Amino acid sequence: MGTTKNEVSHIRKLEIIRLVEHSHQGVKWTLDELGIPKTTFYRWCDRYLAFGEAGLEGRNSNPGLM
């Protein structure tokens, strides 16, 4: 399967995490400007902290389906 239109690459997720970390505007403002929901951003952060860059890679939403 290819990348869907709404799927964000793990590289882009890491770029967004770093951008928000270094933004002087604050998390909410930066995420609003990027159009990223706060819940999505913090889910990415949690996975990045737990698993490193591998945690940001796409996951199969139905692992039993091949």
C-alpha atoms as a PDB file:
ATOM      1  CA  MET A   1       0.000   0.000   0.000  1.00  0.00           C
ATOM      2  CA  GLY A   2       1.159   3.535  -0.699  1.00  0.00           C
ATOM      3  CA  THR A   3       1.007   6.627   1.425  1.00  0.00           C
ATOM      4  CA  THR A   4      -2.458   8.097   1.749  1.00  0.00           C
ATOM      5  CA  LYS A   5      -3.110  11.786   1.259  1.00  0.00           C
ATOM      6  CA  ASN A   6      -3.714  12.344   4.986  1.00  0.00           C
ATOM      7  CA  GLU A   7      -0.730  10.308   6.204  1.00  0.00           C
ATOM      8  CA  VAL A   8       2.238  12.346   7.410  1.00  0.00           C
ATOM      9  CA  SER A   9       5.689  10.821   6.882  1.00  0.00           C
ATOM     10  CA  HIS A  10       7.809  10.016   9.917  1.00  0.00           C
ATOM     11  CA  ILE A  11      10.381  12.529   8.677  1.00  0.00           C
ATOM     12  CA  ARG A  12       7.761  15.292   8.569  1.00  0.00           C
ATOM     13  CA  LYS A  13       6.483  14.344  12.034  1.00  0.00           C
ATOM     14  CA  LEU A  14      10.018  14.703  13.426  1.00  0.00           C
ATOM     15  CA  GLU A  15      10.406  18.075  11.658  1.00  0.00           C
ATOM     16  CA  ILE A  16       7.136  19.263  13.234  1.00  0.00           C
ATOM     17  CA  ILE A  17       8.185  18.087  16.710  1.00  0.00           C
ATOM     18  CA  ARG A  18      11.482  19.962  16.403  1.00  0.00           C
ATOM     19  CA  LEU A  19       9.809  23.057  14.977  1.00  0.00           C
ATOM     20  CA  VAL A  20       7.334  23.209  17.865  1.00  0.00           C
ATOM     21  CA  GLU A  21      10.124  22.600  20.415  1.00  0.00           C
ATOM     22  CA  HIS A  22      12.085  25.580  19.089  1.00  0.00           C
ATOM     23  CA  SER A  23       9.184  27.911  18.368  1.00  0.00           C
ATOM     24  CA  HIS A  24       9.072  31.150  20.332  1.00  0.00           C
ATOM     25  CA  GLN A  25       5.326  31.408  19.649  1.00  0.00           C
ATOM     26  CA  GLY A  26       4.194  28.577  21.905  1.00  0.00           C
ATOM     27  CA  VAL A  27       2.840  25.127  21.196  1.00  0.00           C
ATOM     28  CA  LYS A  28      -0.821  26.045  20.602  1.00  0.00           C
ATOM     29  CA  TRP A  29      -0.068  28.910  18.223  1.00  0.00           C
ATOM     30  CA  THR A  30       2.485  26.894  16.238  1.00  0.00           C
ATOM     31  CA  LEU A  31       0.207  23.866  15.925  1.00  0.00           C
ATOM     32  CA  ASP A  32      -2.717  26.076  14.904  1.00  0.00           C
ATOM     33  CA  GLU A  33      -0.553  27.625  12.181  1.00  0.00           C
ATOM     34  CA  LEU A  34       0.468  24.162  10.960  1.00  0.00           C
ATOM     35  CA  GLY A  35      -3.077  22.813  11.160  1.00  0.00           C
ATOM     36  CA  ILE A  36      -1.995  19.970  13.472  1.00  0.00           C
ATOM     37  CA  PRO A  37      -4.370  18.992  16.295  1.00  0.00           C
ATOM     38  CA  LYS A  38      -2.762  19.107  19.753  1.00  0.00           C
ATOM     39  CA  THR A  39      -3.820  15.526  20.482  1.00  0.00           C
ATOM     40  CA  THR A  40      -2.112  14.314  17.307  1.00  0.00           C
ATOM     41  CA  PHE A  41       1.082  16.234  18.105  1.00  0.00           C
ATOM     42  CA  TYR A  42       1.292  14.893  21.652  1.00  0.00           C
ATOM     43  CA  ARG A  43       0.614  11.339  20.414  1.00  0.00           C
ATOM     44  CA  TRP A  44       3.598  11.753  18.046  1.00  0.00           C
ATOM     45  CA  CYS A  45       5.718  13.121  20.922  1.00  0.00           C
ATOM     46  CA  ASP A  46       4.798  10.212  23.196  1.00  0.00           C
ATOM     47  CA  ARG A  47       5.669   7.667  20.510  1.00  0.00           C
ATOM     48  CA  TYR A  48       8.915   9.486  19.693  1.00  0.00           C
ATOM     49  CA  LEU A  49       9.970   9.522  23.355  1.00  0.00           C
ATOM     50  CA  ALA A  50       9.068   5.846  23.803  1.00  0.00           C
ATOM     51  CA  PHE A  51      10.425   4.402  20.542  1.00  0.00           C
ATOM     52  CA  GLY A  52      12.617   7.038  18.880  1.00  0.00           C
ATOM     53  CA  GLU A  53      12.199   7.770  15.178  1.00  0.00           C
ATOM     54  CA  ALA A  54      10.806   4.272  14.598  1.00  0.00           C
ATOM     55  CA  GLY A  55       7.807   5.268  16.728  1.00  0.00           C
ATOM     56  CA  LEU A  56       6.907   7.936  14.172  1.00  0.00           C
ATOM     57  CA  GLU A  57       6.691   5.541  11.258  1.00  0.00           C
ATOM     58  CA  GLY A  58       3.274   4.583   9.961  1.00  0.00           C
ATOM     59  CA  ARG A  59       1.510   1.761  11.703  1.00  0.00           C
ATOM     60  CA  ASN A  60      -0.930  -0.728  10.283  1.00  0.00           C
ATOM     61  CA  SER A  61      -4.304   0.065  11.844  1.00  0.00           C
ATOM     62  CA  ASN A  62      -5.390  -3.550  11.272  1.00  0.00           C
ATOM     63  CA  PRO A  63      -2.337  -5.779  11.865  1.00  0.00           C
ATOM     64  CA  GLY A  64      -4.386  -8.977  11.445  1.00  0.00           C
ATOM     65  CA  LEU A  65      -5.214  -8.055   7.852  1.00  0.00           C
ATOM     66  CA  MET A  66      -2.604  -8.965   5.290  1.00  0.00           C
END
